[in-house]
N, C-alpha and C. Protein backbone atom coordinates (compact mmCIF):
# COMPACT_ATOMS: atom_id res chain seq x y z
N MET A 1 36.78 -192.52 93.41
CA MET A 1 36.64 -191.52 93.03
C MET A 1 35.74 -190.75 91.65
N PHE A 2 35.64 -191.70 90.03
CA PHE A 2 34.67 -191.97 89.31
C PHE A 2 33.55 -192.71 89.04
N ASP A 3 32.23 -191.93 88.92
CA ASP A 3 31.03 -192.63 88.72
C ASP A 3 31.16 -193.45 88.08
N THR A 4 31.87 -193.20 86.97
CA THR A 4 31.76 -193.33 84.96
C THR A 4 33.10 -193.85 84.77
N LYS A 5 33.89 -194.42 83.68
CA LYS A 5 34.26 -195.29 83.01
C LYS A 5 34.57 -194.66 81.45
N ILE A 6 35.28 -194.70 81.35
CA ILE A 6 36.33 -193.75 79.70
C ILE A 6 36.79 -195.20 79.40
N ALA A 7 35.99 -196.09 78.39
CA ALA A 7 36.86 -196.99 77.57
C ALA A 7 36.46 -196.61 76.18
N ILE A 8 37.67 -197.04 75.51
CA ILE A 8 38.20 -197.21 74.05
C ILE A 8 39.02 -198.61 73.67
N VAL A 9 37.83 -198.85 72.46
CA VAL A 9 37.63 -200.67 72.02
C VAL A 9 38.21 -200.27 70.77
N VAL A 10 39.36 -201.02 70.58
CA VAL A 10 40.09 -200.68 69.26
C VAL A 10 40.07 -202.21 68.85
N ARG A 11 40.00 -202.97 67.90
CA ARG A 11 40.90 -204.16 66.83
C ARG A 11 41.91 -204.34 66.81
N ASN A 12 41.62 -205.71 67.39
CA ASN A 12 43.28 -206.23 67.55
C ASN A 12 43.77 -206.31 66.16
N ASP A 13 43.93 -206.56 65.13
CA ASP A 13 44.06 -207.29 64.39
C ASP A 13 45.30 -205.67 62.91
N LEU A 14 44.29 -204.51 63.97
CA LEU A 14 44.96 -203.53 63.80
C LEU A 14 46.59 -203.19 63.71
N LEU A 15 47.50 -202.10 62.51
CA LEU A 15 48.80 -202.14 63.13
C LEU A 15 49.23 -201.17 64.82
N VAL A 16 50.12 -201.30 64.69
CA VAL A 16 50.27 -199.92 65.79
C VAL A 16 49.95 -199.00 65.40
N TRP A 17 50.37 -198.50 64.30
CA TRP A 17 49.88 -196.72 64.21
C TRP A 17 48.90 -196.82 63.74
N GLN A 18 47.75 -197.64 63.77
CA GLN A 18 46.50 -197.70 63.06
C GLN A 18 45.81 -197.93 64.79
N LYS A 19 46.01 -198.31 65.29
CA LYS A 19 46.00 -198.27 66.75
C LYS A 19 45.90 -196.60 68.15
N LEU A 20 46.72 -196.45 67.98
CA LEU A 20 46.84 -194.94 68.08
C LEU A 20 46.17 -194.09 67.59
N ASN A 21 46.13 -194.05 65.93
CA ASN A 21 45.09 -193.17 65.25
C ASN A 21 44.14 -193.30 66.09
N VAL A 22 43.31 -194.30 65.68
CA VAL A 22 41.74 -194.63 66.69
C VAL A 22 41.81 -194.25 67.30
N THR A 23 42.65 -194.24 68.29
CA THR A 23 42.32 -193.99 70.07
C THR A 23 42.98 -192.50 70.46
N ALA A 24 43.22 -191.70 69.88
CA ALA A 24 43.12 -190.91 69.88
C ALA A 24 42.62 -189.47 69.20
N PHE A 25 41.55 -190.54 68.32
CA PHE A 25 40.49 -189.78 67.51
C PHE A 25 39.26 -189.92 67.83
N LEU A 26 39.18 -191.27 68.96
CA LEU A 26 37.88 -191.54 69.27
C LEU A 26 37.78 -190.73 70.72
N MET A 27 39.07 -190.85 71.39
CA MET A 27 39.43 -190.35 72.78
C MET A 27 38.67 -188.50 72.40
N GLY A 28 39.12 -187.92 71.37
CA GLY A 28 38.78 -186.57 70.97
C GLY A 28 37.15 -186.54 70.32
N GLY A 29 36.83 -187.46 70.47
CA GLY A 29 35.28 -187.91 70.14
C GLY A 29 34.92 -187.52 72.19
N VAL A 30 35.12 -188.48 72.35
CA VAL A 30 34.97 -188.60 74.22
C VAL A 30 34.90 -187.07 74.73
N LEU A 31 35.64 -186.67 74.80
CA LEU A 31 36.08 -185.03 75.61
C LEU A 31 34.70 -184.02 74.52
N GLY A 32 35.23 -184.03 72.92
CA GLY A 32 33.80 -183.79 72.55
C GLY A 32 32.23 -183.26 73.45
N ALA A 33 32.14 -184.65 73.30
CA ALA A 33 31.37 -184.77 73.68
C ALA A 33 30.46 -184.53 75.76
N ASP A 34 31.55 -184.24 75.78
CA ASP A 34 31.26 -184.45 77.88
C ASP A 34 32.54 -183.12 77.22
N ARG A 35 32.68 -181.87 77.93
CA ARG A 35 33.91 -180.83 78.30
C ARG A 35 34.14 -181.06 79.44
N ASP A 36 32.96 -181.16 80.26
CA ASP A 36 33.62 -181.57 81.50
C ASP A 36 34.63 -182.47 82.12
N LEU A 37 34.80 -183.29 81.23
CA LEU A 37 36.45 -183.99 81.23
C LEU A 37 37.15 -183.82 81.24
N LEU A 38 37.15 -182.10 81.01
CA LEU A 38 38.78 -181.22 80.70
C LEU A 38 39.51 -180.48 81.73
N GLY A 39 40.39 -181.50 82.17
CA GLY A 39 41.10 -180.55 83.89
C GLY A 39 41.48 -179.13 83.55
N GLU A 40 42.73 -178.48 84.33
CA GLU A 40 42.44 -177.33 84.52
C GLU A 40 44.34 -177.31 83.76
N ARG A 41 44.97 -176.36 82.79
CA ARG A 41 45.92 -176.47 82.60
C ARG A 41 46.91 -176.73 83.45
N TYR A 42 47.83 -177.87 82.90
CA TYR A 42 49.53 -177.96 83.83
C TYR A 42 50.39 -176.77 83.93
N ALA A 43 50.95 -176.80 84.60
CA ALA A 43 52.09 -175.71 84.93
C ALA A 43 53.28 -176.28 86.24
N ASP A 44 55.19 -176.10 85.57
CA ASP A 44 55.94 -176.65 85.54
C ASP A 44 56.35 -175.93 86.94
N ALA A 45 58.46 -176.37 87.03
CA ALA A 45 58.41 -175.23 88.22
C ALA A 45 58.60 -173.91 87.72
N SER A 46 59.09 -174.22 86.60
CA SER A 46 59.82 -172.69 86.30
C SER A 46 58.24 -171.53 85.71
N GLY A 47 57.19 -172.60 85.96
CA GLY A 47 55.67 -171.41 85.02
C GLY A 47 55.16 -171.67 84.76
N ARG A 48 55.64 -173.01 83.38
CA ARG A 48 55.79 -172.59 81.43
C ARG A 48 54.25 -173.42 81.71
N THR A 49 52.83 -173.37 81.48
CA THR A 49 52.03 -173.86 81.35
C THR A 49 52.26 -174.69 79.87
N TYR A 50 51.23 -176.34 80.39
CA TYR A 50 51.02 -177.04 79.49
C TYR A 50 49.66 -176.92 78.61
N ARG A 51 48.93 -177.26 77.98
CA ARG A 51 47.66 -177.77 78.13
C ARG A 51 46.50 -178.56 79.21
N PRO A 52 45.36 -178.79 79.58
CA PRO A 52 44.79 -179.22 79.85
C PRO A 52 44.19 -180.87 79.51
N LEU A 53 44.36 -181.86 79.95
CA LEU A 53 44.17 -183.29 80.46
C LEU A 53 43.20 -183.43 80.82
N VAL A 54 42.74 -184.69 80.07
CA VAL A 54 41.05 -185.40 80.68
C VAL A 54 41.42 -185.75 82.02
N ILE A 55 40.43 -185.42 83.04
CA ILE A 55 40.23 -185.76 84.43
C ILE A 55 39.99 -186.66 84.87
N GLN A 56 39.74 -188.15 84.70
CA GLN A 56 39.93 -189.14 84.65
C GLN A 56 40.29 -190.06 83.86
N PRO A 57 40.48 -191.45 84.50
CA PRO A 57 42.19 -192.46 83.73
C PRO A 57 40.92 -193.11 82.01
N VAL A 58 41.71 -193.26 81.53
CA VAL A 58 40.64 -193.86 80.24
C VAL A 58 41.59 -195.40 80.09
N ILE A 59 40.69 -196.50 79.91
CA ILE A 59 41.44 -197.88 79.94
C ILE A 59 41.28 -197.93 78.21
N VAL A 60 41.97 -198.68 77.60
CA VAL A 60 42.05 -199.14 76.13
C VAL A 60 41.73 -200.67 76.77
N LEU A 61 41.17 -200.76 75.24
CA LEU A 61 40.35 -202.63 75.34
C LEU A 61 40.68 -202.87 74.29
N THR A 62 41.17 -204.21 73.74
CA THR A 62 41.12 -205.01 72.15
C THR A 62 40.44 -206.12 71.93
N THR A 63 39.57 -206.15 70.48
CA THR A 63 38.74 -207.39 70.42
C THR A 63 38.71 -207.78 69.33
N ASP A 64 38.41 -208.26 68.75
CA ASP A 64 38.28 -208.37 67.46
C ASP A 64 37.34 -208.46 66.63
N GLN A 65 36.88 -208.32 65.13
CA GLN A 65 36.46 -208.28 64.49
C GLN A 65 34.56 -208.36 65.12
N ALA A 66 34.96 -209.40 65.79
CA ALA A 66 33.20 -209.50 66.35
C ALA A 66 32.95 -209.07 67.38
N GLY A 67 33.76 -209.24 68.05
CA GLY A 67 34.20 -209.15 69.54
C GLY A 67 32.98 -207.13 69.67
N LEU A 68 33.78 -206.26 69.26
CA LEU A 68 34.04 -204.78 68.62
C LEU A 68 32.07 -204.60 67.54
N ALA A 69 31.80 -206.17 66.98
CA ALA A 69 30.29 -206.34 66.62
C ALA A 69 29.10 -205.77 67.57
N ARG A 70 30.07 -207.39 68.84
CA ARG A 70 29.16 -207.12 69.97
C ARG A 70 28.78 -206.53 70.40
N ILE A 71 29.48 -205.27 70.70
CA ILE A 71 30.24 -203.96 71.35
C ILE A 71 29.81 -203.31 71.46
N HIS A 72 29.54 -203.03 70.07
CA HIS A 72 28.41 -201.69 69.40
C HIS A 72 27.50 -201.86 69.41
N ALA A 73 26.39 -203.05 69.35
CA ALA A 73 25.38 -203.75 69.49
C ALA A 73 25.21 -203.63 71.09
N ARG A 74 25.92 -204.09 72.05
CA ARG A 74 25.06 -203.52 73.10
C ARG A 74 24.56 -202.08 73.53
N ALA A 75 25.91 -201.17 73.17
CA ALA A 75 26.55 -199.70 73.47
C ALA A 75 24.29 -198.72 73.28
N LEU A 76 24.12 -200.10 71.61
CA LEU A 76 23.18 -198.93 70.75
C LEU A 76 21.87 -199.64 71.90
N GLY A 77 22.05 -200.95 71.88
CA GLY A 77 20.43 -201.48 72.36
C GLY A 77 20.68 -200.99 74.44
N ARG A 78 21.65 -200.14 74.74
CA ARG A 78 21.21 -199.39 76.21
C ARG A 78 21.36 -198.12 75.49
N GLU A 79 20.91 -198.11 74.55
CA GLU A 79 21.25 -196.38 73.65
C GLU A 79 22.44 -195.09 74.15
N VAL A 80 23.38 -196.07 74.08
CA VAL A 80 25.09 -194.94 75.08
C VAL A 80 25.44 -194.28 73.37
N ASP A 81 25.64 -192.93 73.87
CA ASP A 81 26.26 -192.65 73.29
C ASP A 81 27.70 -192.49 72.86
N VAL A 82 28.01 -193.41 71.51
CA VAL A 82 29.53 -193.91 71.79
C VAL A 82 30.53 -193.04 70.55
N ALA A 83 31.08 -193.16 70.08
CA ALA A 83 32.04 -192.04 69.34
C ALA A 83 32.36 -193.66 68.30
N ILE A 84 32.72 -193.46 67.30
CA ILE A 84 33.84 -195.23 66.42
C ILE A 84 34.38 -194.55 65.23
N TYR A 85 35.14 -195.46 64.80
CA TYR A 85 36.02 -194.85 63.40
C TYR A 85 36.24 -195.89 63.12
N ILE A 86 35.47 -195.72 62.03
CA ILE A 86 35.40 -197.33 60.95
C ILE A 86 36.80 -197.28 60.23
N GLU A 87 37.18 -198.43 58.69
CA GLU A 87 38.44 -198.79 58.66
C GLU A 87 38.48 -198.23 57.62
N ASP A 88 37.37 -196.94 56.59
CA ASP A 88 37.05 -196.67 56.14
C ASP A 88 38.55 -194.86 56.32
N MET A 89 38.49 -194.77 57.56
CA MET A 89 38.36 -193.13 57.78
C MET A 89 40.21 -193.07 57.59
N PHE A 90 40.91 -194.08 57.78
CA PHE A 90 42.53 -194.43 56.97
C PHE A 90 42.62 -193.58 56.06
N ALA A 91 41.80 -193.88 54.67
CA ALA A 91 41.95 -193.30 54.13
C ALA A 91 41.72 -191.82 53.76
N THR A 92 41.17 -190.86 54.24
CA THR A 92 40.62 -189.42 55.04
C THR A 92 41.02 -188.43 55.25
N GLY A 93 41.54 -187.48 55.22
CA GLY A 93 41.91 -186.65 55.50
C GLY A 93 41.65 -185.52 56.30
N HIS A 94 39.91 -185.64 56.92
CA HIS A 94 39.77 -184.54 57.56
C HIS A 94 38.27 -184.89 58.14
N ASP A 95 37.53 -183.82 59.06
CA ASP A 95 36.68 -184.84 59.59
C ASP A 95 35.26 -184.87 58.66
N ALA A 96 35.42 -183.86 57.46
CA ALA A 96 34.12 -183.56 56.75
C ALA A 96 34.24 -184.98 56.03
N ALA A 97 35.31 -185.23 55.42
CA ALA A 97 35.59 -186.34 54.70
C ALA A 97 35.46 -187.98 55.74
N ASN A 98 35.18 -187.87 57.39
CA ASN A 98 35.04 -188.44 57.73
C ASN A 98 33.84 -188.67 58.20
N ARG A 99 33.35 -187.97 57.98
CA ARG A 99 31.43 -187.82 58.38
C ARG A 99 30.95 -188.54 57.25
N ALA A 100 31.05 -187.95 55.58
CA ALA A 100 30.22 -188.53 54.88
C ALA A 100 30.85 -189.81 54.80
N THR A 101 32.41 -190.53 55.31
CA THR A 101 32.55 -192.00 54.55
C THR A 101 31.30 -192.73 55.51
N VAL A 102 31.13 -192.42 56.88
CA VAL A 102 30.46 -192.94 57.56
C VAL A 102 29.29 -192.80 56.66
N GLU A 103 28.54 -192.09 56.57
CA GLU A 103 27.17 -191.85 56.37
C GLU A 103 26.88 -192.35 54.96
N GLN A 104 28.03 -193.25 54.55
CA GLN A 104 27.81 -193.74 53.43
C GLN A 104 27.12 -195.67 53.86
N TYR A 105 27.61 -195.53 55.00
CA TYR A 105 27.14 -197.10 55.42
C TYR A 105 25.70 -197.41 56.26
N ALA A 106 25.10 -197.66 56.23
CA ALA A 106 23.93 -198.63 57.59
C ALA A 106 25.04 -198.72 58.37
N THR A 107 23.66 -198.61 59.67
CA THR A 107 24.35 -199.07 61.17
C THR A 107 24.95 -200.56 60.88
N GLU A 108 24.40 -201.70 60.31
CA GLU A 108 25.02 -202.89 60.85
C GLU A 108 26.02 -202.90 59.76
N ASP A 109 26.58 -202.70 58.52
CA ASP A 109 27.55 -202.38 57.88
C ASP A 109 28.71 -202.05 58.20
N LEU A 110 28.96 -201.11 59.21
CA LEU A 110 29.26 -199.93 59.23
C LEU A 110 30.76 -201.10 60.00
N SER A 111 31.97 -200.33 59.06
CA SER A 111 33.34 -202.12 59.28
C SER A 111 33.75 -201.15 60.54
N LEU A 112 33.74 -200.64 61.56
CA LEU A 112 34.22 -200.74 62.40
C LEU A 112 35.52 -201.34 63.19
N VAL A 113 36.32 -200.39 63.32
CA VAL A 113 37.70 -200.03 64.03
C VAL A 113 38.18 -200.10 65.49
N GLY A 114 37.30 -198.75 65.53
CA GLY A 114 36.73 -198.90 67.20
C GLY A 114 35.76 -197.96 67.77
N LEU A 115 36.02 -198.24 68.86
CA LEU A 115 34.77 -197.23 69.16
C LEU A 115 35.18 -196.75 70.16
N ALA A 116 34.11 -195.70 71.53
CA ALA A 116 34.33 -195.05 72.54
C ALA A 116 33.08 -194.70 73.53
N LEU A 117 33.61 -194.97 74.90
CA LEU A 117 32.15 -194.71 75.76
C LEU A 117 32.34 -194.19 76.31
N ARG A 118 31.77 -193.58 77.37
CA ARG A 118 31.78 -192.67 78.74
C ARG A 118 30.49 -192.90 79.58
N GLU A 119 30.54 -193.64 80.16
CA GLU A 119 29.08 -194.31 80.88
C GLU A 119 29.44 -194.88 81.86
N GLU A 120 28.24 -194.55 82.77
CA GLU A 120 28.44 -195.92 84.42
C GLU A 120 29.13 -196.40 84.82
N LYS A 121 30.08 -196.91 85.38
CA LYS A 121 31.24 -197.92 85.26
C LYS A 121 30.56 -199.33 85.11
N ARG A 122 29.09 -199.43 85.72
CA ARG A 122 29.21 -201.08 85.78
C ARG A 122 28.29 -201.47 84.01
N VAL A 123 27.89 -199.93 83.46
CA VAL A 123 26.98 -199.63 82.23
C VAL A 123 28.14 -200.25 80.66
N VAL A 124 29.30 -199.31 81.02
CA VAL A 124 30.56 -199.36 80.53
C VAL A 124 31.05 -201.24 81.11
N ASP A 125 31.19 -201.22 81.54
CA ASP A 125 31.81 -203.30 82.10
C ASP A 125 30.82 -203.69 81.61
N LYS A 126 29.49 -203.86 81.80
CA LYS A 126 28.17 -204.48 80.64
C LYS A 126 29.20 -204.76 79.33
N ILE A 127 29.21 -203.64 79.04
CA ILE A 127 28.78 -203.31 77.65
C ILE A 127 30.27 -203.70 76.95
N THR A 128 31.19 -203.73 77.39
CA THR A 128 32.61 -203.98 76.69
C THR A 128 33.34 -205.81 77.36
N LYS A 129 32.01 -206.15 77.79
CA LYS A 129 32.35 -207.61 78.43
C LYS A 129 33.06 -208.11 77.09
N GLY A 130 33.95 -209.03 77.60
CA GLY A 130 34.66 -209.71 76.06
C GLY A 130 35.59 -209.30 75.79
N ALA A 131 36.47 -207.95 76.30
CA ALA A 131 36.98 -207.70 75.50
C ALA A 131 38.53 -207.45 76.63
N LYS A 132 39.59 -207.29 75.98
CA LYS A 132 40.85 -206.97 77.33
C LYS A 132 41.55 -206.02 77.27
N MET A 133 42.03 -205.54 78.17
CA MET A 133 42.41 -204.88 78.38
C MET A 133 44.05 -205.14 77.26
N HIS A 134 43.90 -203.42 76.68
CA HIS A 134 45.56 -203.74 75.42
C HIS A 134 46.72 -203.92 75.92
N PRO A 135 47.59 -205.11 75.53
CA PRO A 135 48.60 -204.97 76.32
C PRO A 135 49.63 -204.29 76.39
């Protein structure tokens, strides 16, 4: 049904709360870059409405630090726009601090714990090759 795929890749050695936190932040990055992904508001049978959700499925994958570095390099090599989350961001409390933390590191020195992308299905599959579905 969709020509694109949304994939979030998280490092497999994170604590559960960290994986959930990273996934939530990265999904915000995907949605922020592609606002057409936001669907319509939901309504229940009583007429109460709820916030809209993303219109297409999202896969969450996991890999080790080396695998995440390979996936990041593949995405950059294909000039795919990615959202990233680095380890130091666990100690920050807001967006400006997160951006300041990332700005401290060269691309090759980023301590990635997760990344997200939305691209054509076959491209996402090639970039994320080696990562496994999160259990």
